[in-house]
Amino acid sequence: MKLLLVSVGRLKAGPERELVARYHERAAAAARGVGIAGLDMRELDESRARRPEDRKVEEARAIRALVSAGARLVMLDERGRTLGSEAFAADVGKARDSGAPAYVLVIGGADGLDPSLRAEADLVLAFGAMTWPHQLVRVMAAEQLYRAVTILAGHPYHRA
């Protein structure tokens, strides 16, 4: 199984991009030891449609094109469930153990996620009730994927 972090929008150069790259490298290095083929990250262009509803539909189409059949589809949305890091790692491990080809974590665009795509998700997560800037959500998502891999490996990075 591979991990895939899909983000609508481009992350500009700066400290956030550097942090995402750092967690990406760490996760990719540790993943093979726990039966995960690595971490891939994809940035999708934001739709240029005029209406927010149309933008969300176009972005959902681009996201669906990246999701392989049988993948576990997880969306980040402020109205989603909150999970602790250990429960999130367990979800990644469950997907791996069930033979899913990928664990796809999706960060939507500025307008959010298309309701039809959200309905297709296997899990909708929130990093709390607050609204977070896209750049920080990307850093937190990359870090949580790395943390999940270390939890699955029994590595001491996670000290709960």
C-alpha atoms as a PDB file:
ATOM      1  CA  MET A   1       0.000   0.000   0.000  1.00  0.00           C
ATOM      2  CA  LYS A   2       1.149   3.538  -0.600  1.00  0.00           C
ATOM      3  CA  LEU A   3       0.207   6.718   1.211  1.00  0.00           C
ATOM      4  CA  LEU A   4      -1.013   9.581  -0.957  1.00  0.00           C
ATOM      5  CA  LEU A   5      -1.524  13.150   0.261  1.00  0.00           C
ATOM      6  CA  VAL A   6      -3.636  15.103  -2.235  1.00  0.00           C
ATOM      7  CA  SER A   7      -3.931  18.863  -1.865  1.00  0.00           C
ATOM      8  CA  VAL A   8      -5.932  21.322  -3.911  1.00  0.00           C
ATOM      9  CA  GLY A   9      -3.746  24.377  -4.395  1.00  0.00           C
ATOM     10  CA  ARG A  10      -0.033  24.978  -4.656  1.00  0.00           C
ATOM     11  CA  LEU A  11       2.141  25.487  -1.613  1.00  0.00           C
ATOM     12  CA  LYS A  12       4.509  28.419  -2.087  1.00  0.00           C
ATOM     13  CA  ALA A  13       8.170  28.315  -1.202  1.00  0.00           C
ATOM     14  CA  GLY A  14       8.818  28.983   2.462  1.00  0.00           C
ATOM     15  CA  PRO A  15       8.934  27.346   5.869  1.00  0.00           C
ATOM     16  CA  GLU A  16       5.680  25.426   5.400  1.00  0.00           C
ATOM     17  CA  ARG A  17       6.940  23.804   2.182  1.00  0.00           C
ATOM     18  CA  GLU A  18      10.201  22.937   3.947  1.00  0.00           C
ATOM     19  CA  LEU A  19       8.341  21.287   6.844  1.00  0.00           C
ATOM     20  CA  VAL A  20       6.127  19.290   4.486  1.00  0.00           C
ATOM     21  CA  ALA A  21       9.236  18.132   2.609  1.00  0.00           C
ATOM     22  CA  ARG A  22      10.909  17.126   5.872  1.00  0.00           C
ATOM     23  CA  TYR A  23       7.945  14.999   6.999  1.00  0.00           C
ATOM     24  CA  HIS A  24       7.589  13.567   3.501  1.00  0.00           C
ATOM     25  CA  GLU A  25      11.213  12.394   3.532  1.00  0.00           C
ATOM     26  CA  ARG A  26      10.901  10.952   7.030  1.00  0.00           C
ATOM     27  CA  ALA A  27       7.677   9.113   6.223  1.00  0.00           C
ATOM     28  CA  ALA A  28       9.045   7.718   2.971  1.00  0.00           C
ATOM     29  CA  ALA A  29      12.164   6.421   4.735  1.00  0.00           C
ATOM     30  CA  ALA A  30      10.256   4.764   7.577  1.00  0.00           C
ATOM     31  CA  ALA A  31       7.303   3.450   5.560  1.00  0.00           C
ATOM     32  CA  ARG A  32       8.964   0.460   3.914  1.00  0.00           C
ATOM     33  CA  GLY A  33       9.684  -1.082   7.299  1.00  0.00           C
ATOM     34  CA  VAL A  34       5.949  -1.340   8.013  1.00  0.00           C
ATOM     35  CA  GLY A  35       4.757  -2.588   4.632  1.00  0.00           C
ATOM     36  CA  ILE A  36       3.972   0.788   3.124  1.00  0.00           C
ATOM     37  CA  ALA A  37       5.447   1.583  -0.290  1.00  0.00           C
ATOM     38  CA  GLY A  38       6.097   5.218   0.591  1.00  0.00           C
ATOM     39  CA  LEU A  39       4.386   8.581   0.590  1.00  0.00           C
ATOM     40  CA  ASP A  40       3.428  10.378  -2.595  1.00  0.00           C
ATOM     41  CA  MET A  41       2.160  13.954  -2.598  1.00  0.00           C
ATOM     42  CA  ARG A  42       0.098  15.549  -5.342  1.00  0.00           C
ATOM     43  CA  GLU A  43      -0.832  19.193  -5.712  1.00  0.00           C
ATOM     44  CA  LEU A  44      -3.847  19.958  -7.866  1.00  0.00           C
ATOM     45  CA  ASP A  45      -4.530  23.340  -9.415  1.00  0.00           C
ATOM     46  CA  GLU A  46      -7.461  25.214  -7.962  1.00  0.00           C
ATOM     47  CA  SER A  47     -10.397  25.430 -10.337  1.00  0.00           C
ATOM     48  CA  ARG A  48     -10.905  28.736 -12.111  1.00  0.00           C
ATOM     49  CA  ALA A  49     -14.675  28.313 -12.372  1.00  0.00           C
ATOM     50  CA  ARG A  50     -16.654  31.378 -11.339  1.00  0.00           C
ATOM     51  CA  ARG A  51     -19.095  29.768  -8.926  1.00  0.00           C
ATOM     52  CA  PRO A  52     -17.858  27.969  -5.777  1.00  0.00           C
ATOM     53  CA  GLU A  53     -20.124  24.982  -6.499  1.00  0.00           C
ATOM     54  CA  ASP A  54     -18.586  24.588  -9.963  1.00  0.00           C
ATOM     55  CA  ARG A  55     -15.073  24.908  -8.532  1.00  0.00           C
ATOM     56  CA  LYS A  56     -15.767  22.145  -6.036  1.00  0.00           C
ATOM     57  CA  VAL A  57     -17.161  19.852  -8.764  1.00  0.00           C
ATOM     58  CA  GLU A  58     -14.092  20.399 -10.972  1.00  0.00           C
ATOM     59  CA  GLU A  59     -11.702  19.842  -8.070  1.00  0.00           C
ATOM     60  CA  ALA A  60     -13.577  16.673  -7.061  1.00  0.00           C
ATOM     61  CA  ARG A  61     -13.175  15.345 -10.614  1.00  0.00           C
ATOM     62  CA  ALA A  62      -9.408  15.918 -10.429  1.00  0.00           C
ATOM     63  CA  ILE A  63      -9.214  14.234  -7.014  1.00  0.00           C
ATOM     64  CA  ARG A  64     -11.197  11.196  -8.200  1.00  0.00           C
ATOM     65  CA  ALA A  65      -8.776  10.782 -11.099  1.00  0.00           C
ATOM     66  CA  LEU A  66      -5.963  10.179  -8.583  1.00  0.00           C
ATOM     67  CA  VAL A  67      -7.789   7.633  -6.433  1.00  0.00           C
ATOM     68  CA  SER A  68      -7.284   4.015  -7.448  1.00  0.00           C
ATOM     69  CA  ALA A  69     -10.044   1.438  -7.081  1.00  0.00           C
ATOM     70  CA  GLY A  70     -10.087  -0.041  -3.594  1.00  0.00           C
ATOM     71  CA  ALA A  71      -8.149   2.836  -2.030  1.00  0.00           C
ATOM     72  CA  ARG A  72      -9.168   4.101   1.391  1.00  0.00           C
ATOM     73  CA  LEU A  73     -10.367   7.665   0.811  1.00  0.00           C
ATOM     74  CA  VAL A  74      -9.990  10.030   3.775  1.00  0.00           C
ATOM     75  CA  MET A  75     -11.044  13.671   3.593  1.00  0.00           C
ATOM     76  CA  LEU A  76     -10.039  16.516   5.864  1.00  0.00           C
ATOM     77  CA  ASP A  77     -12.991  18.733   6.721  1.00  0.00           C
ATOM     78  CA  GLU A  78     -13.622  20.906   9.768  1.00  0.00           C
ATOM     79  CA  ARG A  79     -16.963  19.099  10.239  1.00  0.00           C
ATOM     80  CA  GLY A  80     -15.323  15.670  10.315  1.00  0.00           C
ATOM     81  CA  ARG A  81     -14.501  13.392  13.219  1.00  0.00           C
ATOM     82  CA  THR A  82     -11.522  14.010  15.424  1.00  0.00           C
ATOM     83  CA  LEU A  83      -9.204  11.087  16.032  1.00  0.00           C
ATOM     84  CA  GLY A  84      -6.134  10.776  18.167  1.00  0.00           C
ATOM     85  CA  SER A  85      -2.869   9.947  16.445  1.00  0.00           C
ATOM     86  CA  GLU A  86      -2.958   6.328  17.591  1.00  0.00           C
ATOM     87  CA  ALA A  87      -6.464   5.811  16.194  1.00  0.00           C
ATOM     88  CA  PHE A  88      -5.389   7.447  12.925  1.00  0.00           C
ATOM     89  CA  ALA A  89      -2.355   5.128  12.751  1.00  0.00           C
ATOM     90  CA  ALA A  90      -4.640   2.167  13.431  1.00  0.00           C
ATOM     91  CA  ASP A  91      -6.830   3.251  10.503  1.00  0.00           C
ATOM     92  CA  VAL A  92      -3.777   3.394   8.220  1.00  0.00           C
ATOM     93  CA  GLY A  93      -2.695  -0.032   9.480  1.00  0.00           C
ATOM     94  CA  LYS A  94      -6.170  -1.474   8.942  1.00  0.00           C
ATOM     95  CA  ALA A  95      -6.170  -0.236   5.333  1.00  0.00           C
ATOM     96  CA  ARG A  96      -2.703  -1.726   4.795  1.00  0.00           C
ATOM     97  CA  ASP A  97      -3.693  -5.056   6.355  1.00  0.00           C
ATOM     98  CA  SER A  98      -6.892  -5.280   4.302  1.00  0.00           C
ATOM     99  CA  GLY A  99      -4.910  -5.015   1.066  1.00  0.00           C
ATOM    100  CA  ALA A 100      -5.967  -1.509   0.042  1.00  0.00           C
ATOM    101  CA  PRO A 101      -3.667  -0.273  -2.738  1.00  0.00           C
ATOM    102  CA  ALA A 102      -3.522   3.227  -1.257  1.00  0.00           C
ATOM    103  CA  TYR A 103      -4.477   5.363   1.698  1.00  0.00           C
ATOM    104  CA  VAL A 104      -5.487   8.702   0.194  1.00  0.00           C
ATOM    105  CA  LEU A 105      -5.669  11.747   2.473  1.00  0.00           C
ATOM    106  CA  VAL A 106      -7.320  14.733   0.768  1.00  0.00           C
ATOM    107  CA  ILE A 107      -7.092  18.435   1.584  1.00  0.00           C
ATOM    108  CA  GLY A 108      -9.733  20.363  -0.353  1.00  0.00           C
ATOM    109  CA  GLY A 109      -9.493  23.816  -1.860  1.00  0.00           C
ATOM    110  CA  ALA A 110     -10.482  27.172  -0.403  1.00  0.00           C
ATOM    111  CA  ASP A 111     -14.170  26.488  -1.062  1.00  0.00           C
ATOM    112  CA  GLY A 112     -14.089  23.098   0.619  1.00  0.00           C
ATOM    113  CA  LEU A 113     -15.031  19.714  -0.776  1.00  0.00           C
ATOM    114  CA  ASP A 114     -17.813  18.801  -3.151  1.00  0.00           C
ATOM    115  CA  PRO A 115     -20.584  17.111  -1.114  1.00  0.00           C
ATOM    116  CA  SER A 116     -20.674  14.126  -3.491  1.00  0.00           C
ATOM    117  CA  LEU A 117     -16.949  13.510  -2.998  1.00  0.00           C
ATOM    118  CA  ARG A 118     -17.287  13.927   0.749  1.00  0.00           C
ATOM    119  CA  ALA A 119     -20.082  11.326   0.680  1.00  0.00           C
ATOM    120  CA  GLU A 120     -17.742   8.860  -1.079  1.00  0.00           C
ATOM    121  CA  ALA A 121     -15.120   9.174   1.647  1.00  0.00           C
ATOM    122  CA  ASP A 122     -14.439   6.202   3.877  1.00  0.00           C
ATOM    123  CA  LEU A 123     -13.569   8.634   6.666  1.00  0.00           C
ATOM    124  CA  VAL A 124     -13.943  12.390   7.145  1.00  0.00           C
ATOM    125  CA  LEU A 125     -11.472  13.847   9.645  1.00  0.00           C
ATOM    126  CA  ALA A 126     -11.027  17.217  11.300  1.00  0.00           C
ATOM    127  CA  PHE A 127      -7.960  18.720  12.952  1.00  0.00           C
ATOM    128  CA  GLY A 128     -10.343  20.253  15.490  1.00  0.00           C
ATOM    129  CA  ALA A 129     -13.277  22.614  15.149  1.00  0.00           C
ATOM    130  CA  MET A 130     -11.152  25.620  14.176  1.00  0.00           C
ATOM    131  CA  THR A 131     -10.499  26.640  10.606  1.00  0.00           C
ATOM    132  CA  TRP A 132      -6.800  26.296   9.726  1.00  0.00           C
ATOM    133  CA  PRO A 133      -4.837  27.916   6.904  1.00  0.00           C
ATOM    134  CA  HIS A 134      -4.219  25.537   4.021  1.00  0.00           C
ATOM    135  CA  GLN A 135      -0.430  25.700   4.479  1.00  0.00           C
ATOM    136  CA  LEU A 136      -0.657  24.605   8.110  1.00  0.00           C
ATOM    137  CA  VAL A 137      -3.126  21.839   7.342  1.00  0.00           C
ATOM    138  CA  ARG A 138      -0.672  20.476   4.779  1.00  0.00           C
ATOM    139  CA  VAL A 139       2.113  20.486   7.383  1.00  0.00           C
ATOM    140  CA  MET A 140      -0.120  18.827   9.983  1.00  0.00           C
ATOM    141  CA  ALA A 141      -1.321  16.184   7.516  1.00  0.00           C
ATOM    142  CA  ALA A 142       2.232  15.324   6.454  1.00  0.00           C
ATOM    143  CA  GLU A 143       3.328  15.146  10.089  1.00  0.00           C
ATOM    144  CA  GLN A 144       0.403  12.905  11.045  1.00  0.00           C
ATOM    145  CA  LEU A 145       1.181  10.526   8.180  1.00  0.00           C
ATOM    146  CA  TYR A 146       4.778  10.367   9.395  1.00  0.00           C
ATOM    147  CA  ARG A 147       3.589   9.884  12.979  1.00  0.00           C
ATOM    148  CA  ALA A 148       1.234   7.089  11.863  1.00  0.00           C
ATOM    149  CA  VAL A 149       4.134   5.273  10.204  1.00  0.00           C
ATOM    150  CA  THR A 150       6.276   5.614  13.327  1.00  0.00           C
ATOM    151  CA  ILE A 151       3.436   4.359  15.544  1.00  0.00           C
ATOM    152  CA  LEU A 152       2.995   1.327  13.281  1.00  0.00           C
ATOM    153  CA  ALA A 153       6.748   0.718  13.474  1.00  0.00           C
ATOM    154  CA  GLY A 154       6.845   1.035  17.259  1.00  0.00           C
ATOM    155  CA  HIS A 155       9.309   3.912  16.911  1.00  0.00           C
ATOM    156  CA  PRO A 156       9.598   6.206  19.956  1.00  0.00           C
ATOM    157  CA  TYR A 157       8.749   9.402  17.989  1.00  0.00           C
ATOM    158  CA  HIS A 158       5.181   9.203  19.340  1.00  0.00           C
ATOM    159  CA  ARG A 159       5.297   9.526  23.108  1.00  0.00           C
ATOM    160  CA  ALA A 160       1.728   9.226  24.263  1.00  0.00           C
END
